[in-house]
Amino acid sequence: MESIKSFNACIEQSIKDNWDKDALTDYLGATLQYHDVARKIEKLHILFENSGLKKGDKVALCGRNSSSWAVVFFATLAYGAVAVPVQHEFKPEQIYNIVNHSEARLLFVGDVVATTIDGEQMPQLEGIVYLPDFSLLLSRSESLTHARENLNALFGKKYPKFFRSEDVNYFKDEADDLALINYTSGTTGFSKGVMLSYRSLRSNLGWAEADLKPHIKPDSKVLCMLPMAHMYGMICEFVCQFSFGSHLYFLTRLPSPSLIAQACADIHPAIVVAVPMVVEKIIRKNVFPKVQSTATRMLLKMPVVSKKVKQNIRSVVMEVFGGNAYEIITGGAALNKEIEDFLTSIDFPVTSGYGATECGPMITYSDYKDFVPGSCGTAVVSMEVRIISPDPANVPGEVITKGENVMLGYYKNEEASKAVLDDDGWYHTGDLGTMSEDGHLFIRGRIKNMLLGSNGQNVYPEEIEDKLNSMTMVSECIVIQRDDKLVGLVYPDMDEAKELGFSPSDLQDVMEQNRMELNGMLPSFCHLSAIELRDEEFVKTPKKSIKRYLYQEK
């Protein structure tokens, strides 16, 4: 890694090379050019410096995707501070936990988050900054207040004539310096702050330079629909495309399939990076009604014309995604087999990757020309992947990986770090997989209890169960995944039910009320779709832990 540019050097170079080109646009809103981004970064650096922020201090960001979010992220790393991205879907209590645990000194928040949080719950913060205009929502420091109130004057004093590309000079990061802490959860007792070094970020960027950049034309437009607080969206859409000099568009609001389809039609993105759920919904709604007619099915069975029909269908699908994408990359969950079979049958450029926050995130990926249905690619540059199995091609075993992308460990949690990082540097993913002789990885299941929603969000059932177990008439419970829905299985307090004379219907009404109250406490991706009652207690181990595997959907 020492022979190539550092991470911050790559960002600095991209800004200088693309100085007068469009950089960041809030969809249907304002556009920043690369020199505008540099100017905003410099103003934030002046704010940081004059408020006493030091290299290595933590800066938390919590808001929907936006140009301002992107600017703050780059400004933090380019200053030498440590970024702490926080999912904006988290409830206030979860945001407090992460901000306090990370010891963040500053918190930048979006418009929605700003109305829900209480600064008194985060006593270590010196300030809360409003992302849309960088105004102060809270300041506990006279120097911070002074710096913000006089920011334009301080900028003018430092650059009395004008701010030029040669004035851009960012923090010289070393490979093992801590760059960011990404929390896998927001709940105390379950939170694990993944410490990613500049080496990991640079190596992930190296993958993008090798596998994506050759297919992305200069001045390309890219739609950023995945949350940048997740490593998948941060690297694959945001960071790598900015370093390529592309023009990035942020949806800035809930990325529904209909909004994404409209944005694709407007922007014509050069590449589409998505979770399977979005691709599936767009195809079912916007493609299948057009191509699944009786006449089309008949024509596909005729060898003479089937090739032409497939080309026409492929064109329809391409147009739905903007008509200009080199390929569609899905990750975060498995692509529905029906959709995958449909896309591969028409030779559509679709592929899948596999990763983990702990690897920042890339572990495997293949270009669509090398895509094998059901797989998630081969090991990316700088990474090794193995299956702990006597017969990796046929007998599933744990997926382990080693290389430049792997995290430094979990922040302030050495025990958890040692549980997944062995003495030889291998990260144990907790996933079961097989691997073909040519290196294609196939995920077969999960060892860990973590569930993965169809939108790519990590769901930790223990967190939900912890809350559900404390609710009315719940004796014990587990949360399982059924297709892309979360379902709570509950054994109720039968003694209390008997005393109250409750019927099964009464109990179900109580559980429905529990479900609504529970969902009100959780992010949307943790919501239960139903609670199902059981007639008997769960089977347990000698340690009285529920044998969870007996109740998982097969």
Protein backbone atom coordinates (compact mmCIF):
# COMPACT_ATOMS: atom_id res chain seq x y z
CA MET A 1 0.00 0.00 0.00
CA GLU A 2 2.96 2.34 0.59
CA SER A 3 3.73 2.57 -3.15
CA ILE A 4 0.38 4.20 -4.00
CA LYS A 5 -1.34 7.40 -2.94
CA SER A 6 -2.83 7.54 0.54
CA PHE A 7 -6.59 7.83 0.93
CA ASN A 8 -6.63 11.57 1.62
CA ALA A 9 -4.17 12.11 -1.23
CA CYS A 10 -6.65 10.44 -3.59
CA ILE A 11 -9.47 12.72 -2.46
CA GLU A 12 -7.19 15.77 -2.69
CA GLN A 13 -6.06 14.80 -6.19
CA SER A 14 -9.62 14.27 -7.41
CA ILE A 15 -10.63 17.73 -6.18
CA LYS A 16 -7.69 19.34 -7.95
CA ASP A 17 -8.13 17.36 -11.19
CA ASN A 18 -11.87 18.11 -11.39
CA TRP A 19 -11.82 21.64 -9.95
CA ASP A 20 -14.44 23.19 -12.26
CA LYS A 21 -16.62 20.11 -12.77
CA ASP A 22 -19.93 19.28 -11.09
CA ALA A 23 -19.38 17.18 -7.97
CA LEU A 24 -22.40 16.85 -5.64
CA THR A 25 -26.09 17.49 -6.27
CA ASP A 26 -29.01 17.14 -3.90
CA TYR A 27 -31.54 15.61 -6.32
CA LEU A 28 -33.87 18.34 -7.61
CA GLY A 29 -31.77 20.81 -5.62
CA ALA A 30 -28.47 22.70 -5.66
CA THR A 31 -25.18 21.52 -7.18
CA LEU A 32 -21.67 21.90 -5.78
CA GLN A 33 -18.67 21.78 -8.08
CA TYR A 34 -15.43 20.24 -6.88
CA HIS A 35 -14.00 23.67 -6.03
CA ASP A 36 -17.16 24.40 -3.98
CA VAL A 37 -16.59 21.19 -2.04
CA ALA A 38 -12.97 22.20 -1.40
CA ARG A 39 -14.04 25.65 -0.21
CA LYS A 40 -16.60 24.19 2.23
CA ILE A 41 -14.05 21.67 3.50
CA GLU A 42 -11.59 24.50 4.13
CA LYS A 43 -14.21 26.50 6.07
CA LEU A 44 -14.94 23.46 8.23
CA HIS A 45 -11.21 23.05 8.84
CA ILE A 46 -11.06 26.64 10.04
CA LEU A 47 -14.04 25.92 12.31
CA PHE A 48 -12.37 22.76 13.63
CA GLU A 49 -9.02 24.45 14.21
CA ASN A 50 -10.42 27.54 15.93
CA SER A 51 -12.71 25.48 18.14
CA GLY A 52 -9.79 23.38 19.39
CA LEU A 53 -10.57 20.11 17.60
CA LYS A 54 -7.43 17.98 17.51
CA LYS A 55 -6.22 15.25 15.19
CA GLY A 56 -7.80 11.99 16.27
CA ASP A 57 -10.83 13.63 17.89
CA LYS A 58 -14.19 12.10 16.93
CA VAL A 59 -16.79 13.84 14.77
CA ALA A 60 -20.21 12.16 14.49
CA LEU A 61 -22.57 12.57 11.51
CA CYS A 62 -26.25 11.69 11.61
CA GLY A 63 -28.52 12.62 8.73
CA ARG A 64 -29.90 11.48 5.41
CA ASN A 65 -27.63 11.45 2.35
CA SER A 66 -26.84 14.96 1.21
CA SER A 67 -24.07 17.11 -0.22
CA SER A 68 -23.52 18.55 3.25
CA TRP A 69 -23.09 15.06 4.74
CA ALA A 70 -20.49 14.29 2.07
CA VAL A 71 -18.62 17.54 2.73
CA VAL A 72 -18.47 16.95 6.49
CA PHE A 73 -17.23 13.38 6.02
CA PHE A 74 -14.38 14.42 3.75
CA ALA A 75 -13.59 17.46 5.91
CA THR A 76 -13.29 15.25 8.99
CA LEU A 77 -10.84 12.79 7.44
CA ALA A 78 -8.94 15.49 5.56
CA TYR A 79 -8.39 17.25 8.91
CA GLY A 80 -7.11 14.10 10.59
CA ALA A 81 -10.13 13.66 12.85
CA VAL A 82 -12.09 10.38 13.11
CA ALA A 83 -15.53 10.17 11.48
CA VAL A 84 -18.36 8.41 13.32
CA PRO A 85 -21.25 7.87 10.85
CA VAL A 86 -24.58 7.22 12.60
CA GLN A 87 -27.63 5.78 10.87
CA HIS A 88 -30.29 8.47 10.74
CA GLU A 89 -33.02 5.83 11.28
CA PHE A 90 -31.78 5.20 14.81
CA LYS A 91 -33.93 6.33 17.69
CA PRO A 92 -32.59 9.16 19.90
CA GLU A 93 -31.48 6.74 22.65
CA GLN A 94 -29.38 4.81 20.13
CA ILE A 95 -27.81 8.03 18.82
CA TYR A 96 -26.93 9.04 22.40
CA ASN A 97 -25.31 5.64 23.00
CA ILE A 98 -23.09 5.90 19.94
CA VAL A 99 -22.11 9.55 20.45
CA ASN A 100 -21.28 8.94 24.11
CA HIS A 101 -19.47 5.62 23.56
CA SER A 102 -17.36 7.06 20.73
CA GLU A 103 -16.52 10.15 22.82
CA ALA A 104 -17.41 12.38 19.87
CA ARG A 105 -16.68 16.08 20.38
CA LEU A 106 -18.90 17.36 17.59
CA LEU A 107 -22.17 16.03 16.16
CA PHE A 108 -23.54 17.08 12.77
CA VAL A 109 -27.26 16.37 12.33
CA GLY A 110 -29.80 16.57 9.51
CA ASP A 111 -33.14 18.33 9.62
CA VAL A 112 -35.19 15.35 10.84
CA VAL A 113 -32.72 14.20 13.49
CA ALA A 114 -32.30 17.76 14.77
CA THR A 115 -35.90 17.86 15.96
CA THR A 116 -35.71 14.60 17.95
CA ILE A 117 -32.48 14.71 19.95
CA ASP A 118 -31.65 16.28 23.31
CA GLY A 119 -28.13 17.62 23.72
CA GLU A 120 -28.30 17.13 27.49
CA GLN A 121 -28.14 13.37 26.88
CA MET A 122 -24.71 13.77 25.26
CA PRO A 123 -22.70 15.67 27.91
CA GLN A 124 -19.29 15.15 26.27
CA LEU A 125 -20.29 17.01 23.11
CA GLU A 126 -18.87 20.49 22.64
CA GLY A 127 -21.34 21.29 19.91
CA ILE A 128 -24.18 20.13 17.65
CA VAL A 129 -24.04 21.49 14.10
CA TYR A 130 -26.98 21.64 11.68
CA LEU A 131 -26.01 19.91 8.41
CA PRO A 132 -28.08 22.01 5.97
CA ASP A 133 -26.30 25.30 6.77
CA PHE A 134 -23.66 24.40 9.40
CA SER A 135 -25.30 26.64 11.99
CA LEU A 136 -24.86 25.80 15.68
CA LEU A 137 -27.77 24.08 17.41
CA LEU A 138 -25.73 23.71 20.60
CA SER A 139 -22.40 25.09 21.73
CA ARG A 140 -20.68 24.44 25.03
CA SER A 141 -17.51 26.19 23.92
CA GLU A 142 -16.87 29.90 23.55
CA SER A 143 -14.18 29.18 20.98
CA LEU A 144 -16.63 27.11 18.87
CA THR A 145 -19.27 29.84 19.04
CA HIS A 146 -16.73 32.52 18.14
CA ALA A 147 -15.34 30.47 15.26
CA ARG A 148 -18.79 29.86 13.77
CA GLU A 149 -19.95 33.45 14.16
CA ASN A 150 -16.78 34.74 12.51
CA LEU A 151 -16.19 31.93 10.03
CA ASN A 152 -16.42 34.04 6.86
CA ALA A 153 -14.09 36.65 8.34
CA LEU A 154 -11.58 33.99 9.39
CA PHE A 155 -11.73 32.46 5.90
CA GLY A 156 -11.24 35.88 4.30
CA LYS A 157 -8.27 36.60 6.55
CA LYS A 158 -6.62 33.30 5.62
CA TYR A 159 -7.33 33.72 1.90
CA PRO A 160 -7.53 37.51 1.30
CA LYS A 161 -7.62 37.25 -2.50
CA PHE A 162 -9.07 33.91 -3.53
CA PHE A 163 -9.00 30.20 -2.68
CA ARG A 164 -7.18 28.12 -5.32
CA SER A 165 -6.58 24.44 -5.98
CA GLU A 166 -2.98 24.78 -4.81
CA ASP A 167 -4.33 25.79 -1.38
CA VAL A 168 -5.83 22.31 -0.96
CA ASN A 169 -3.48 20.40 1.33
CA TYR A 170 -4.96 17.59 3.42
CA PHE A 171 -3.86 15.52 6.40
CA LYS A 172 -1.14 13.04 5.42
CA ASP A 173 -2.66 9.82 6.67
CA GLU A 174 -0.63 6.76 7.57
CA ALA A 175 -1.96 3.31 6.69
CA ASP A 176 -2.74 2.26 10.27
CA ASP A 177 -4.20 5.58 11.43
CA LEU A 178 -7.81 5.30 12.58
CA ALA A 179 -10.10 6.86 9.94
CA LEU A 180 -13.61 6.08 11.12
CA ILE A 181 -15.68 4.11 13.60
CA ASN A 182 -18.81 2.51 12.17
CA TYR A 183 -21.28 1.12 14.68
CA THR A 184 -23.06 -2.11 13.80
CA SER A 185 -25.88 -1.30 16.22
CA GLY A 186 -27.09 1.49 18.42
CA THR A 187 -28.10 -0.28 21.61
CA THR A 188 -25.99 -0.35 24.77
CA GLY A 189 -24.69 -3.87 25.34
CA PHE A 190 -24.96 -4.72 21.64
CA SER A 191 -23.05 -1.82 20.08
CA LYS A 192 -19.77 -2.64 18.40
CA GLY A 193 -17.83 0.23 16.92
CA VAL A 194 -15.87 -1.12 13.96
CA MET A 195 -12.53 0.68 13.77
CA LEU A 196 -11.47 1.09 10.14
CA SER A 197 -8.03 2.36 9.28
CA TYR A 198 -6.97 4.43 6.29
CA ARG A 199 -5.42 1.22 4.98
CA SER A 200 -8.89 -0.36 4.79
CA LEU A 201 -10.42 2.67 3.07
CA ARG A 202 -7.54 2.91 0.60
CA SER A 203 -7.64 -0.79 -0.15
CA ASN A 204 -11.39 -0.68 -0.78
CA LEU A 205 -10.79 2.28 -3.06
CA GLY A 206 -8.10 0.22 -4.78
CA TRP A 207 -10.72 -2.44 -5.53
CA ALA A 208 -12.96 0.19 -7.11
CA GLU A 209 -10.08 1.58 -9.16
CA ALA A 210 -9.27 -1.88 -10.47
CA ASP A 211 -12.77 -3.27 -11.06
CA LEU A 212 -15.10 -0.31 -11.58
CA LYS A 213 -13.15 2.72 -12.81
CA PRO A 214 -12.21 1.21 -16.22
CA HIS A 215 -15.92 1.04 -17.03
CA ILE A 216 -16.95 4.47 -15.70
CA LYS A 217 -16.43 7.21 -18.27
CA PRO A 218 -15.07 10.60 -17.13
CA ASP A 219 -17.77 13.06 -16.00
CA SER A 220 -20.24 10.23 -15.38
CA LYS A 221 -23.35 10.71 -13.28
CA VAL A 222 -24.01 8.39 -10.35
CA LEU A 223 -27.08 8.07 -8.12
CA CYS A 224 -26.31 7.56 -4.42
CA MET A 225 -29.36 5.73 -3.06
CA LEU A 226 -27.75 3.63 -0.30
CA PRO A 227 -27.20 5.25 3.12
CA MET A 228 -23.69 6.67 3.34
CA ALA A 229 -23.60 5.78 7.04
CA HIS A 230 -23.31 2.16 5.82
CA MET A 231 -19.95 1.07 4.43
CA TYR A 232 -21.59 -0.48 1.34
CA GLY A 233 -23.08 2.82 0.22
CA MET A 234 -20.16 4.87 1.50
CA ILE A 235 -17.52 3.04 -0.52
CA CYS A 236 -19.32 1.69 -3.60
CA GLU A 237 -21.37 4.77 -4.44
CA PHE A 238 -19.94 7.75 -2.61
CA VAL A 239 -16.19 7.60 -1.95
CA CYS A 240 -15.04 5.70 -5.02
CA GLN A 241 -17.19 7.71 -7.43
CA PHE A 242 -15.99 11.01 -5.95
CA SER A 243 -12.40 9.86 -6.37
CA PHE A 244 -13.18 9.02 -10.03
CA GLY A 245 -14.36 12.60 -10.61
CA SER A 246 -17.98 11.59 -11.19
CA HIS A 247 -21.03 13.78 -10.57
CA LEU A 248 -22.92 12.37 -7.57
CA TYR A 249 -26.65 12.81 -6.93
CA PHE A 250 -28.16 12.34 -3.45
CA LEU A 251 -31.87 11.58 -3.08
CA THR A 252 -31.96 13.38 0.33
CA ARG A 253 -35.18 11.60 1.31
CA LEU A 254 -36.53 8.06 1.76
CA PRO A 255 -35.35 6.16 -1.35
CA SER A 256 -38.58 4.41 -2.39
CA PRO A 257 -38.43 2.23 -5.55
CA SER A 258 -40.65 4.72 -7.41
CA LEU A 259 -38.38 7.65 -6.51
CA ILE A 260 -35.29 5.67 -7.51
CA ALA A 261 -36.86 4.73 -10.85
CA GLN A 262 -37.69 8.38 -11.53
CA ALA A 263 -34.20 9.52 -10.51
CA CYS A 264 -32.63 6.90 -12.79
CA ALA A 265 -34.74 8.18 -15.68
CA ASP A 266 -33.61 11.75 -14.97
CA ILE A 267 -29.94 11.10 -14.23
CA HIS A 268 -29.03 8.11 -16.47
CA PRO A 269 -26.47 6.76 -13.95
CA ALA A 270 -23.27 5.14 -15.22
CA ILE A 271 -23.59 2.34 -12.67
CA VAL A 272 -26.33 1.22 -10.29
CA VAL A 273 -25.43 0.00 -6.79
CA ALA A 274 -28.43 -1.24 -4.83
CA VAL A 275 -29.84 -3.69 -2.32
CA PRO A 276 -31.84 -6.57 -3.85
CA MET A 277 -35.18 -5.34 -2.54
CA VAL A 278 -35.00 -2.18 -4.66
CA VAL A 279 -34.06 -4.06 -7.83
CA GLU A 280 -36.77 -6.66 -7.22
CA LYS A 281 -39.53 -4.09 -6.64
CA ILE A 282 -38.59 -1.98 -9.65
CA ILE A 283 -38.56 -5.01 -11.94
CA ARG A 284 -41.85 -6.41 -10.62
CA LYS A 285 -43.58 -3.05 -10.93
CA ASN A 286 -41.95 -1.47 -13.99
CA VAL A 287 -40.75 -4.42 -16.10
CA PHE A 288 -42.80 -7.57 -15.59
CA PRO A 289 -46.12 -5.97 -16.63
CA LYS A 290 -44.50 -5.01 -19.95
CA VAL A 291 -42.73 -8.27 -20.79
CA GLN A 292 -44.76 -11.10 -19.25
CA SER A 293 -47.59 -11.14 -21.75
CA THR A 294 -48.75 -14.41 -23.32
CA ALA A 295 -47.42 -13.29 -26.69
CA THR A 296 -43.96 -12.59 -25.29
CA ARG A 297 -43.81 -15.99 -23.58
CA MET A 298 -44.74 -17.67 -26.86
CA LEU A 299 -42.08 -15.78 -28.80
CA LEU A 300 -39.39 -16.68 -26.26
CA LYS A 301 -40.01 -20.35 -27.04
CA MET A 302 -39.30 -19.82 -30.75
CA PRO A 303 -35.56 -20.20 -31.44
CA VAL A 304 -35.76 -18.08 -34.58
CA VAL A 305 -36.95 -14.94 -32.77
CA SER A 306 -36.16 -15.59 -29.08
CA LYS A 307 -32.76 -13.88 -29.28
CA LYS A 308 -34.34 -10.73 -30.69
CA VAL A 309 -37.10 -10.83 -28.05
CA LYS A 310 -34.52 -11.17 -25.26
CA GLN A 311 -32.63 -8.16 -26.64
CA ASN A 312 -35.83 -6.13 -26.61
CA ILE A 313 -36.62 -7.17 -23.03
CA ARG A 314 -33.05 -6.36 -22.01
CA SER A 315 -33.47 -2.89 -23.51
CA VAL A 316 -36.67 -2.40 -21.51
CA VAL A 317 -34.89 -3.29 -18.26
CA MET A 318 -31.89 -1.11 -19.11
CA GLU A 319 -34.19 1.83 -19.77
CA VAL A 320 -35.92 1.40 -16.41
CA PHE A 321 -32.53 1.90 -14.74
CA GLY A 322 -31.68 4.93 -16.85
CA GLY A 323 -30.39 3.28 -20.01
CA ASN A 324 -26.72 4.02 -19.34
CA ALA A 325 -25.55 1.68 -16.56
CA TYR A 326 -22.50 -0.49 -17.15
CA GLU A 327 -23.91 -2.97 -14.62
CA ILE A 328 -26.12 -3.31 -11.57
CA ILE A 329 -24.35 -4.42 -8.40
CA THR A 330 -26.46 -5.90 -5.62
CA GLY A 331 -25.22 -6.59 -2.11
CA GLY A 332 -26.28 -6.72 1.51
CA ALA A 333 -28.62 -9.66 0.94
CA ALA A 334 -29.26 -12.39 -1.61
CA LEU A 335 -31.00 -11.44 -4.84
CA ASN A 336 -34.36 -13.16 -5.26
CA LYS A 337 -33.81 -16.27 -7.43
CA GLU A 338 -36.76 -15.52 -9.73
CA ILE A 339 -35.39 -12.04 -10.43
CA GLU A 340 -31.83 -13.32 -10.81
CA ASP A 341 -32.95 -16.04 -13.25
CA PHE A 342 -34.93 -13.49 -15.26
CA LEU A 343 -32.00 -11.07 -15.51
CA THR A 344 -29.44 -13.73 -16.42
CA SER A 345 -31.82 -15.25 -19.02
CA ILE A 346 -31.79 -11.95 -20.94
CA ASP A 347 -28.02 -11.48 -20.48
CA PHE A 348 -28.59 -8.42 -18.34
CA PRO A 349 -25.43 -6.98 -16.70
CA VAL A 350 -26.17 -7.87 -13.08
CA THR A 351 -23.73 -9.02 -10.44
CA SER A 352 -23.48 -9.42 -6.67
CA GLY A 353 -20.84 -8.72 -4.08
CA TYR A 354 -20.28 -9.77 -0.49
CA GLY A 355 -18.83 -7.82 2.37
CA ALA A 356 -18.97 -6.80 6.00
CA THR A 357 -18.64 -3.55 7.92
CA GLU A 358 -15.56 -5.14 9.49
CA CYS A 359 -13.92 -5.18 6.05
CA GLY A 360 -14.96 -1.72 5.07
CA PRO A 361 -16.85 -3.54 3.34
CA MET A 362 -15.58 -5.49 0.33
CA ILE A 363 -14.68 -9.17 0.55
CA THR A 364 -15.80 -10.61 -2.80
CA TYR A 365 -17.06 -9.25 -6.12
CA SER A 366 -17.07 -10.21 -9.78
CA ASP A 367 -17.75 -8.16 -12.88
CA TYR A 368 -21.06 -9.15 -14.48
CA LYS A 369 -19.15 -10.90 -17.28
CA ASP A 370 -17.77 -13.28 -14.63
CA PHE A 371 -20.99 -13.50 -12.60
CA VAL A 372 -22.10 -17.00 -11.58
CA PRO A 373 -25.79 -17.19 -10.59
CA GLY A 374 -26.20 -17.70 -6.85
CA SER A 375 -22.66 -16.55 -6.06
CA CYS A 376 -21.31 -13.27 -4.79
CA GLY A 377 -18.05 -13.17 -6.70
CA THR A 378 -14.42 -13.93 -6.00
CA ALA A 379 -12.00 -12.36 -3.51
CA VAL A 380 -11.31 -8.69 -4.24
CA VAL A 381 -7.81 -7.29 -4.62
CA SER A 382 -5.79 -7.35 -1.36
CA MET A 383 -8.09 -9.96 0.24
CA GLU A 384 -7.97 -13.73 0.75
CA VAL A 385 -11.08 -15.83 1.41
CA ARG A 386 -11.25 -19.37 2.76
CA ILE A 387 -13.92 -21.81 3.87
CA ILE A 388 -13.28 -23.77 7.07
CA SER A 389 -14.43 -27.10 5.66
CA PRO A 390 -12.90 -30.44 4.66
CA ASP A 391 -14.57 -30.00 1.27
CA PRO A 392 -15.10 -26.26 0.59
CA ALA A 393 -16.80 -26.86 -2.75
CA ASN A 394 -19.51 -29.10 -1.33
CA VAL A 395 -19.61 -28.94 2.46
CA PRO A 396 -20.51 -25.51 3.91
CA GLY A 397 -18.11 -24.05 6.44
CA GLU A 398 -17.43 -20.70 8.04
CA VAL A 399 -16.26 -17.96 5.68
CA ILE A 400 -13.04 -16.34 6.89
CA THR A 401 -11.10 -13.55 5.23
CA LYS A 402 -7.75 -11.81 5.60
CA GLY A 403 -6.14 -8.78 4.01
CA GLU A 404 -5.82 -5.02 3.79
CA ASN A 405 -9.55 -4.35 4.20
CA VAL A 406 -9.91 -5.97 7.63
CA MET A 407 -10.67 -3.69 10.59
CA LEU A 408 -8.33 -2.80 13.44
CA GLY A 409 -10.89 -4.20 15.92
CA TYR A 410 -13.94 -3.05 17.87
CA TYR A 411 -13.63 0.27 19.69
CA LYS A 412 -13.12 -0.23 23.44
CA ASN A 413 -14.12 -3.92 23.12
CA GLU A 414 -11.05 -6.15 23.06
CA GLU A 415 -13.04 -9.25 23.99
CA ALA A 416 -15.34 -8.90 20.98
CA SER A 417 -12.34 -8.19 18.75
CA LYS A 418 -10.58 -11.37 19.83
CA ALA A 419 -13.75 -13.37 19.21
CA VAL A 420 -13.66 -12.61 15.47
CA LEU A 421 -9.99 -11.83 14.71
CA ASP A 422 -7.65 -14.79 15.19
CA ASP A 423 -3.91 -14.66 15.87
CA ASP A 424 -3.11 -15.01 12.16
CA GLY A 425 -5.20 -12.01 11.18
CA TRP A 426 -8.20 -13.88 9.77
CA TYR A 427 -11.60 -12.28 10.29
CA HIS A 428 -14.25 -14.90 11.08
CA THR A 429 -17.45 -13.67 9.41
CA GLY A 430 -19.89 -16.02 11.14
CA ASP A 431 -21.36 -16.85 7.72
CA LEU A 432 -21.55 -20.31 6.19
CA GLY A 433 -20.43 -20.72 2.61
CA THR A 434 -19.01 -22.91 -0.10
CA MET A 435 -16.47 -22.00 -2.77
CA SER A 436 -16.13 -23.32 -6.29
CA GLU A 437 -12.77 -24.43 -7.61
CA ASP A 438 -12.42 -21.16 -9.51
CA GLY A 439 -12.96 -19.14 -6.31
CA HIS A 440 -16.61 -18.06 -6.54
CA LEU A 441 -18.17 -17.73 -3.10
CA PHE A 442 -21.69 -18.98 -2.32
CA ILE A 443 -23.25 -17.93 0.98
CA ARG A 444 -25.25 -20.83 2.43
CA GLY A 445 -26.45 -19.52 5.77
CA ARG A 446 -25.47 -17.78 8.97
CA ILE A 447 -23.74 -19.00 12.08
CA LYS A 448 -24.39 -15.82 14.00
CA ASN A 449 -27.83 -14.79 15.14
CA MET A 450 -27.71 -11.60 13.12
CA LEU A 451 -30.46 -11.32 10.55
CA LEU A 452 -30.03 -9.43 7.30
CA GLY A 453 -33.03 -7.55 6.04
CA SER A 454 -33.77 -7.38 2.31
CA ASN A 455 -32.78 -3.69 2.38
CA GLY A 456 -29.29 -4.61 3.55
CA GLN A 457 -29.65 -3.43 7.15
CA ASN A 458 -28.18 -5.55 9.94
CA VAL A 459 -30.88 -6.70 12.36
CA TYR A 460 -29.87 -7.99 15.77
CA PRO A 461 -32.72 -10.11 17.17
CA GLU A 462 -31.42 -9.96 20.74
CA GLU A 463 -32.06 -6.22 20.80
CA ILE A 464 -35.68 -6.65 19.73
CA GLU A 465 -36.19 -9.63 22.04
CA ASP A 466 -34.77 -7.68 24.96
CA LYS A 467 -37.55 -5.10 24.58
CA LEU A 468 -40.30 -7.59 23.70
CA ASN A 469 -39.55 -9.77 26.70
CA SER A 470 -40.37 -6.87 28.99
CA MET A 471 -43.78 -6.23 27.47
CA THR A 472 -47.25 -7.22 28.72
CA MET A 473 -47.84 -10.95 29.16
CA VAL A 474 -44.67 -12.01 27.31
CA SER A 475 -42.96 -14.92 29.07
CA GLU A 476 -40.27 -15.62 26.50
CA CYS A 477 -39.71 -14.92 22.82
CA ILE A 478 -37.44 -15.07 19.81
CA VAL A 479 -37.40 -13.08 16.59
CA ILE A 480 -37.02 -14.91 13.29
CA GLN A 481 -36.89 -13.90 9.65
CA ARG A 482 -39.54 -15.16 7.23
CA ASP A 483 -38.73 -14.15 3.67
CA ASP A 484 -37.93 -10.44 4.14
CA LYS A 485 -40.19 -9.98 7.19
CA LEU A 486 -39.37 -10.12 10.90
CA VAL A 487 -41.75 -12.20 13.02
CA GLY A 488 -41.86 -12.49 16.81
CA LEU A 489 -42.58 -15.93 18.29
CA VAL A 490 -43.95 -15.53 21.80
CA TYR A 491 -44.77 -17.96 24.60
CA PRO A 492 -47.16 -15.88 26.74
CA ASP A 493 -47.49 -15.77 30.50
CA MET A 494 -50.10 -18.52 30.69
CA ASP A 495 -50.59 -18.23 34.45
CA GLU A 496 -51.54 -14.57 34.18
CA ALA A 497 -53.73 -15.26 31.16
CA LYS A 498 -55.59 -17.95 33.10
CA GLU A 499 -56.11 -15.67 36.11
CA LEU A 500 -57.53 -12.96 33.86
CA GLY A 501 -59.72 -15.40 31.97
CA PHE A 502 -58.15 -14.41 28.64
CA SER A 503 -59.05 -16.36 25.51
CA PRO A 504 -56.53 -16.99 22.68
CA SER A 505 -58.20 -14.10 20.84
CA ASP A 506 -57.67 -11.80 23.85
CA LEU A 507 -53.99 -12.79 23.99
CA GLN A 508 -53.56 -12.08 20.31
CA ASP A 509 -55.05 -8.61 20.81
CA VAL A 510 -52.55 -7.96 23.61
CA MET A 511 -49.67 -9.06 21.39
CA GLU A 512 -50.82 -6.84 18.55
CA GLN A 513 -50.74 -3.89 20.95
CA ASN A 514 -47.27 -4.99 22.08
CA ARG A 515 -46.16 -5.15 18.45
CA MET A 516 -47.29 -1.60 17.71
CA GLU A 517 -45.62 -0.26 20.87
CA LEU A 518 -42.42 -2.18 20.13
CA ASN A 519 -42.22 -0.92 16.54
CA GLY A 520 -42.56 2.60 17.88
CA MET A 521 -39.30 2.10 19.79
CA LEU A 522 -37.32 0.65 16.89
CA PRO A 523 -35.92 1.77 13.52
CA SER A 524 -38.19 0.84 10.61
CA PHE A 525 -35.89 -1.95 9.45
CA CYS A 526 -36.35 -3.67 12.86
CA HIS A 527 -40.16 -3.60 12.83
CA LEU A 528 -42.04 -6.84 13.42
CA SER A 529 -44.62 -7.71 10.80
CA ALA A 530 -46.44 -10.08 13.19
CA ILE A 531 -46.34 -11.77 16.60
CA GLU A 532 -47.28 -15.43 16.68
CA LEU A 533 -48.25 -17.21 19.89
CA ARG A 534 -46.87 -20.57 20.93
CA ASP A 535 -48.68 -23.16 23.07
CA GLU A 536 -45.56 -24.39 24.86
CA GLU A 537 -42.23 -23.13 26.08
CA PHE A 538 -39.25 -23.01 23.75
CA VAL A 539 -36.76 -25.88 23.84
CA LYS A 540 -33.66 -24.79 25.75
CA THR A 541 -30.05 -25.78 26.34
CA PRO A 542 -28.78 -26.82 29.81
CA LYS A 543 -27.77 -23.17 30.23
CA LYS A 544 -31.43 -22.23 29.66
CA SER A 545 -30.74 -20.52 26.34
CA ILE A 546 -33.41 -21.04 23.69
CA LYS A 547 -32.28 -23.37 20.93
CA ARG A 548 -32.83 -20.69 18.32
CA TYR A 549 -31.92 -22.86 15.35
CA LEU A 550 -34.98 -25.06 15.93
CA TYR A 551 -37.26 -22.15 15.08
CA GLN A 552 -35.48 -20.50 12.18
CA GLU A 553 -37.20 -20.74 8.81
CA LYS A 554 -35.66 -23.48 6.69
